[in-house]
Amino acid sequence: MNNEDTIMSTLQNKIDFAVIFRVANANPNGDPLNGNRPRTDYSNYGEMSDVSIKRKIRDRLLERWVNDGKKDDGNMIFVQSDDRKADDAKSLRARAEAGLGKELGSDKTAELACKKWLDVRAFGQLFALKSNKKAGKKNEDGSDAEGDTGVSIGIRGPVTVQSAFSVEPVDVTSLQITKSVSGEGDGTKRGSDTMGMKHRVDHGIYVSFGSMNPQLAEKTGFTEADADAIKCLLPKLFENDESSARPAGSMEVLKVFWWKHNCKSGQYSSAKVHRTLAVNADGSYVLSDLDNLSPEQIDGF
């Protein structure tokens, strides 16, 4: 990926972005270590992890790839959800082997993976590969040999996404529910898991920030077209994401802000750019001015 044509097609301008969204009677991101209650920090501000946000970005990108006819154009998604996957791979290893073949684990792994999967060249990926050598190898003196433990190939992506936080502390409502019923006999016998709890955030305005780094984009081949693809899906981040915890209409993107700098290094630091956006509890906002850098403002879908 060092030829001139590839470099010219990669992202040439630093980009910062922000997303304001509303949560109403929904669980935006449950914490599995806390009974699946909505994530909050110690001050009771609502939180939605960066991993959860990137999962939704991947899902929207995967839907776009499927709608485009599953073309082998480098826009396939590597990390797919089990309930949304668009191929027959039963694991990431199987998908990597199907996509890269005998080159998996070679010096070309990173280059070929970035060319094939959009989320790899956007967010990066770690390919942790086990050794093909048989276990139980012995040294000449009969002691156990250390052996080959495999190889890890890390790819650092140019797109970073911060966790989303609510602008005010949130109220979490919990209610007891019947999560299973007896399907046999006279209905008098029920399992111990019949009753359960369901949690929701009554109302909250959340904000997430992100950035795209042109220097890292050169290493993965992340292009202007890739950046535009993410830009177009951010207003629709929660479409087709409905579930019992997040009913349709309970999560809504209100506004997307897209700052495109005039150079690779950026006219200002990302921290300074992000601080220009102040969001109120009702979803309204105030933007401070930066010389020669104004964001494109996009309404939610």
Protein backbone atom coordinates (compact mmCIF):
# COMPACT_ATOMS: atom_id res chain seq x y z
CA MET A 1 0.00 0.00 0.00
CA ASN A 2 2.91 2.34 -0.61
CA ASN A 3 2.36 3.03 -4.29
CA GLU A 4 1.51 6.57 -5.28
CA ASP A 5 -2.00 5.80 -6.52
CA THR A 6 -3.01 4.23 -3.23
CA ILE A 7 -1.58 7.10 -1.18
CA MET A 8 -3.42 9.67 -3.30
CA SER A 9 -6.74 7.91 -2.72
CA THR A 10 -6.37 7.71 1.06
CA LEU A 11 -7.79 10.25 3.49
CA GLN A 12 -5.94 13.54 3.07
CA ASN A 13 -7.64 15.74 5.69
CA LYS A 14 -8.08 15.14 9.38
CA ILE A 15 -11.72 14.76 10.39
CA ASP A 16 -13.43 15.18 13.75
CA PHE A 17 -17.07 14.33 14.28
CA ALA A 18 -19.75 14.28 16.96
CA VAL A 19 -23.17 12.66 17.31
CA ILE A 20 -25.99 13.87 19.57
CA PHE A 21 -28.72 11.32 20.22
CA ARG A 22 -31.77 10.93 22.43
CA VAL A 23 -32.72 7.90 24.53
CA ALA A 24 -36.34 7.55 25.67
CA ASN A 25 -37.47 4.51 27.68
CA ALA A 26 -34.71 2.30 26.32
CA ASN A 27 -31.57 0.52 27.44
CA PRO A 28 -28.90 1.93 25.11
CA ASN A 29 -26.10 -0.35 26.35
CA GLY A 30 -26.62 -2.87 29.12
CA ASP A 31 -23.81 -3.85 31.48
CA PRO A 32 -23.58 -7.67 31.65
CA LEU A 33 -21.67 -7.42 34.95
CA ASN A 34 -24.52 -5.45 36.54
CA GLY A 35 -27.63 -7.40 35.64
CA ASN A 36 -27.76 -5.72 32.19
CA ARG A 37 -28.65 -2.38 33.74
CA PRO A 38 -27.91 0.63 31.50
CA ARG A 39 -24.29 1.65 31.89
CA THR A 40 -23.69 4.66 34.14
CA ASP A 41 -20.58 6.17 35.68
CA TYR A 42 -20.15 6.85 39.41
CA SER A 43 -21.93 10.21 39.04
CA ASN A 44 -24.91 8.47 37.41
CA TYR A 45 -24.27 9.91 33.96
CA GLY A 46 -25.44 7.49 31.28
CA GLU A 47 -22.75 5.78 29.23
CA MET A 48 -22.70 3.90 25.95
CA SER A 49 -19.39 2.18 25.26
CA ASP A 50 -17.28 2.85 22.19
CA VAL A 51 -17.46 -0.88 21.41
CA SER A 52 -21.25 -0.68 21.27
CA ILE A 53 -21.16 2.34 18.96
CA LYS A 54 -18.66 0.70 16.63
CA ARG A 55 -20.86 -2.42 16.58
CA LYS A 56 -23.73 -0.30 15.24
CA ILE A 57 -21.47 1.38 12.68
CA ARG A 58 -20.33 -2.04 11.48
CA ASP A 59 -23.95 -3.25 11.26
CA ARG A 60 -24.96 -0.26 9.12
CA LEU A 61 -21.92 -0.73 6.88
CA LEU A 62 -22.72 -4.43 6.53
CA GLU A 63 -26.30 -3.61 5.50
CA ARG A 64 -24.95 -1.27 2.85
CA TRP A 65 -22.62 -3.99 1.55
CA VAL A 66 -25.47 -6.50 1.36
CA ASN A 67 -27.73 -3.99 -0.40
CA ASP A 68 -24.95 -3.34 -2.94
CA GLY A 69 -25.04 -7.00 -3.92
CA LYS A 70 -22.20 -8.33 -1.74
CA LYS A 71 -19.61 -7.13 -4.22
CA ASP A 72 -15.99 -8.05 -3.64
CA ASP A 73 -15.03 -4.37 -3.63
CA GLY A 74 -13.24 -4.12 -0.31
CA ASN A 75 -16.33 -3.00 1.61
CA MET A 76 -17.14 -6.29 3.34
CA ILE A 77 -17.20 -6.26 7.17
CA PHE A 78 -14.88 -8.59 9.08
CA VAL A 79 -16.36 -8.44 12.61
CA GLN A 80 -20.01 -9.39 12.09
CA SER A 81 -22.74 -10.11 14.64
CA ASP A 82 -23.95 -13.71 14.75
CA ASP A 83 -27.54 -12.58 14.17
CA ARG A 84 -26.60 -10.36 11.22
CA LYS A 85 -23.74 -12.11 9.50
CA ALA A 86 -23.83 -12.15 5.72
CA ASP A 87 -21.68 -15.22 5.11
CA ASP A 88 -21.31 -18.80 6.33
CA ALA A 89 -18.25 -18.23 8.52
CA LYS A 90 -18.71 -19.60 12.05
CA SER A 91 -15.80 -17.66 13.53
CA LEU A 92 -13.45 -14.80 12.78
CA ARG A 93 -10.70 -17.34 12.08
CA ALA A 94 -12.91 -19.07 9.50
CA ARG A 95 -13.74 -15.74 7.87
CA ALA A 96 -10.07 -14.77 7.77
CA GLU A 97 -9.09 -18.11 6.24
CA ALA A 98 -11.83 -17.84 3.61
CA GLY A 99 -10.84 -14.29 2.76
CA LEU A 100 -7.06 -14.52 2.83
CA GLY A 101 -6.39 -18.19 2.18
CA LYS A 102 -2.77 -19.27 2.43
CA GLU A 103 -1.64 -15.66 2.92
CA LEU A 104 -3.16 -15.62 6.42
CA GLY A 105 -0.27 -15.27 8.85
CA SER A 106 2.19 -14.12 6.19
CA ASP A 107 3.78 -10.70 5.80
CA LYS A 108 0.91 -9.74 3.51
CA THR A 109 -1.83 -10.38 6.08
CA ALA A 110 -2.29 -6.75 7.15
CA GLU A 111 -2.22 -5.38 3.61
CA LEU A 112 -4.68 -7.93 2.22
CA ALA A 113 -7.02 -7.66 5.23
CA CYS A 114 -7.21 -3.87 4.88
CA LYS A 115 -7.99 -4.20 1.18
CA LYS A 116 -10.78 -6.71 1.79
CA TRP A 117 -12.57 -5.46 4.94
CA LEU A 118 -13.69 -1.89 5.49
CA ASP A 119 -13.92 -2.15 9.28
CA VAL A 120 -10.34 -3.47 9.46
CA ARG A 121 -8.90 -0.47 7.63
CA ALA A 122 -11.16 1.85 9.65
CA PHE A 123 -10.91 0.55 13.23
CA GLY A 124 -7.95 -1.82 12.97
CA GLN A 125 -7.88 -5.46 14.02
CA LEU A 126 -5.75 -7.99 15.86
CA PHE A 127 -5.17 -11.31 14.10
CA ALA A 128 -4.05 -13.71 16.83
CA LEU A 129 -3.07 -16.95 15.12
CA LYS A 130 -2.21 -20.19 16.84
CA SER A 131 0.79 -22.22 15.81
CA ASN A 132 0.23 -25.11 13.44
CA LYS A 133 3.05 -27.05 15.09
CA LYS A 134 2.09 -30.02 17.23
CA ALA A 135 2.12 -29.65 20.99
CA GLY A 136 4.33 -31.82 23.19
CA LYS A 137 7.62 -31.08 21.47
CA LYS A 138 10.66 -32.06 23.58
CA ASN A 139 14.21 -30.79 23.86
CA GLU A 140 17.17 -33.17 23.46
CA ASP A 141 17.43 -33.56 27.24
CA GLY A 142 13.77 -34.62 27.45
CA SER A 143 12.46 -31.33 28.89
CA ASP A 144 9.44 -29.58 27.39
CA ALA A 145 10.35 -27.19 24.61
CA GLU A 146 8.85 -23.73 24.59
CA GLY A 147 7.69 -24.26 21.04
CA ASP A 148 6.04 -21.81 18.68
CA THR A 149 3.10 -20.09 20.40
CA GLY A 150 1.83 -18.54 17.17
CA VAL A 151 1.80 -15.01 15.87
CA SER A 152 -0.19 -11.85 16.52
CA ILE A 153 -0.61 -9.34 13.72
CA GLY A 154 -1.92 -6.00 14.92
CA ILE A 155 -3.43 -3.35 12.65
CA ARG A 156 -3.94 0.14 14.05
CA GLY A 157 -6.93 1.89 12.49
CA PRO A 158 -7.33 5.62 11.77
CA VAL A 159 -10.91 5.91 13.08
CA THR A 160 -11.40 6.31 16.83
CA VAL A 161 -14.76 6.62 18.58
CA GLN A 162 -15.27 7.76 22.16
CA SER A 163 -17.86 6.36 24.53
CA ALA A 164 -21.06 8.39 24.56
CA PHE A 165 -22.11 10.09 27.82
CA SER A 166 -25.35 11.76 28.79
CA VAL A 167 -25.23 15.51 29.36
CA GLU A 168 -27.07 15.10 32.69
CA PRO A 169 -27.43 12.25 35.20
CA VAL A 170 -30.06 9.74 34.08
CA ASP A 171 -32.89 8.00 35.92
CA VAL A 172 -32.94 4.22 35.50
CA THR A 173 -36.28 2.46 35.96
CA SER A 174 -36.36 -1.25 36.75
CA LEU A 175 -39.37 -3.52 36.56
CA GLN A 176 -39.93 -7.18 37.17
CA ILE A 177 -41.05 -9.20 34.18
CA THR A 178 -42.06 -12.74 33.30
CA LYS A 179 -39.32 -13.87 30.96
CA SER A 180 -40.40 -17.50 30.48
CA VAL A 181 -43.58 -19.58 30.74
CA SER A 182 -44.23 -23.27 31.07
CA GLY A 183 -44.62 -24.98 27.73
CA GLU A 184 -45.45 -28.42 29.08
CA GLY A 185 -47.91 -30.13 31.45
CA ASP A 186 -50.70 -28.27 33.20
CA GLY A 187 -48.71 -25.07 33.51
CA THR A 188 -48.17 -25.32 37.25
CA LYS A 189 -44.48 -26.13 36.98
CA ARG A 190 -42.17 -23.34 35.94
CA GLY A 191 -38.44 -23.01 35.84
CA SER A 192 -36.46 -21.03 38.39
CA ASP A 193 -35.79 -18.42 35.74
CA THR A 194 -39.46 -17.53 35.21
CA MET A 195 -39.15 -14.04 36.68
CA GLY A 196 -36.59 -11.48 35.61
CA MET A 197 -35.77 -7.78 35.60
CA LYS A 198 -35.85 -5.25 32.82
CA HIS A 199 -34.15 -1.87 33.00
CA ARG A 200 -34.42 1.31 30.99
CA VAL A 201 -33.24 4.91 30.87
CA ASP A 202 -36.34 7.11 31.12
CA HIS A 203 -34.80 9.98 29.18
CA GLY A 204 -31.33 11.12 28.26
CA ILE A 205 -29.40 13.19 25.74
CA TYR A 206 -26.07 11.56 24.88
CA VAL A 207 -23.04 12.83 22.98
CA SER A 208 -20.23 10.84 21.34
CA PHE A 209 -17.11 12.17 19.63
CA GLY A 210 -14.73 10.65 17.12
CA SER A 211 -11.80 11.38 14.84
CA MET A 212 -10.12 10.16 11.64
CA ASN A 213 -6.34 10.30 11.33
CA PRO A 214 -4.84 10.65 7.81
CA GLN A 215 -1.39 9.40 8.86
CA LEU A 216 -2.83 6.09 10.02
CA ALA A 217 -5.18 6.06 7.02
CA GLU A 218 -2.12 5.84 4.75
CA LYS A 219 -1.05 2.65 6.52
CA THR A 220 -4.42 0.90 6.19
CA GLY A 221 -5.62 2.42 2.90
CA PHE A 222 -8.63 4.14 4.50
CA THR A 223 -10.03 6.39 1.77
CA GLU A 224 -12.15 9.51 1.38
CA ALA A 225 -14.94 7.22 0.15
CA ASP A 226 -14.68 5.16 3.35
CA ALA A 227 -14.96 8.32 5.44
CA ASP A 228 -18.00 9.43 3.43
CA ALA A 229 -19.63 6.02 3.98
CA ILE A 230 -19.35 6.45 7.76
CA LYS A 231 -20.53 10.04 7.50
CA CYS A 232 -23.67 8.98 5.60
CA LEU A 233 -24.62 6.25 8.08
CA LEU A 234 -24.12 8.18 11.33
CA PRO A 235 -27.53 9.92 11.05
CA LYS A 236 -29.08 6.43 10.70
CA LEU A 237 -27.02 4.83 13.46
CA PHE A 238 -30.01 3.27 15.26
CA GLU A 239 -32.08 2.25 12.25
CA ASN A 240 -32.67 -1.52 12.00
CA ASP A 241 -31.28 -1.84 15.53
CA GLU A 242 -34.57 -2.43 17.32
CA SER A 243 -34.85 -4.96 20.11
CA SER A 244 -36.90 -5.56 23.27
CA ALA A 245 -34.43 -3.34 25.15
CA ARG A 246 -34.45 -0.67 22.42
CA PRO A 247 -37.94 -0.49 20.82
CA ALA A 248 -38.27 1.26 17.48
CA GLY A 249 -38.20 5.02 17.96
CA SER A 250 -36.72 4.90 21.46
CA MET A 251 -33.25 5.90 20.24
CA GLU A 252 -32.86 8.77 17.80
CA VAL A 253 -29.90 10.62 16.32
CA LEU A 254 -30.61 14.32 16.57
CA LYS A 255 -27.54 15.85 14.94
CA VAL A 256 -24.20 14.92 13.42
CA PHE A 257 -21.30 17.38 13.28
CA TRP A 258 -18.49 16.85 10.77
CA TRP A 259 -15.34 18.97 11.04
CA LYS A 260 -13.03 18.54 8.04
CA HIS A 261 -9.65 20.18 8.57
CA ASN A 262 -7.64 21.68 5.70
CA CYS A 263 -4.54 19.53 6.29
CA LYS A 264 -3.43 16.11 7.48
CA SER A 265 -2.26 17.16 10.93
CA GLY A 266 -5.36 19.22 11.64
CA GLN A 267 -5.79 22.93 12.23
CA TYR A 268 -6.60 22.28 15.91
CA SER A 269 -6.36 19.37 18.30
CA SER A 270 -9.35 17.07 18.49
CA ALA A 271 -9.84 18.00 22.14
CA LYS A 272 -10.13 21.70 21.25
CA VAL A 273 -12.54 20.94 18.39
CA HIS A 274 -14.76 18.73 20.55
CA ARG A 275 -14.91 21.36 23.27
CA THR A 276 -16.55 23.83 20.89
CA LEU A 277 -19.77 21.79 21.10
CA ALA A 278 -21.87 22.33 24.25
CA VAL A 279 -25.05 20.27 24.41
CA ASN A 280 -28.06 21.06 26.60
CA ALA A 281 -30.38 18.65 28.38
CA ASP A 282 -33.16 19.22 25.82
CA GLY A 283 -30.91 18.32 22.88
CA SER A 284 -30.22 21.89 21.81
CA TYR A 285 -26.61 22.95 21.48
CA VAL A 286 -24.20 25.87 21.24
CA LEU A 287 -21.18 25.91 18.92
CA SER A 288 -18.15 28.06 19.65
CA ASP A 289 -16.25 29.51 16.69
CA LEU A 290 -12.87 28.31 15.47
CA ASP A 291 -11.04 30.32 12.83
CA ASN A 292 -11.41 28.72 9.37
CA LEU A 293 -12.99 25.55 10.73
CA SER A 294 -16.77 25.16 10.79
CA PRO A 295 -18.57 21.80 10.95
CA GLU A 296 -21.07 20.47 8.48
CA GLN A 297 -24.28 19.95 10.45
CA ILE A 298 -26.42 16.98 9.45
CA ASP A 299 -29.89 16.26 10.82
CA GLY A 300 -30.66 12.81 12.14
CA PHE A 301 -32.61 10.45 9.92
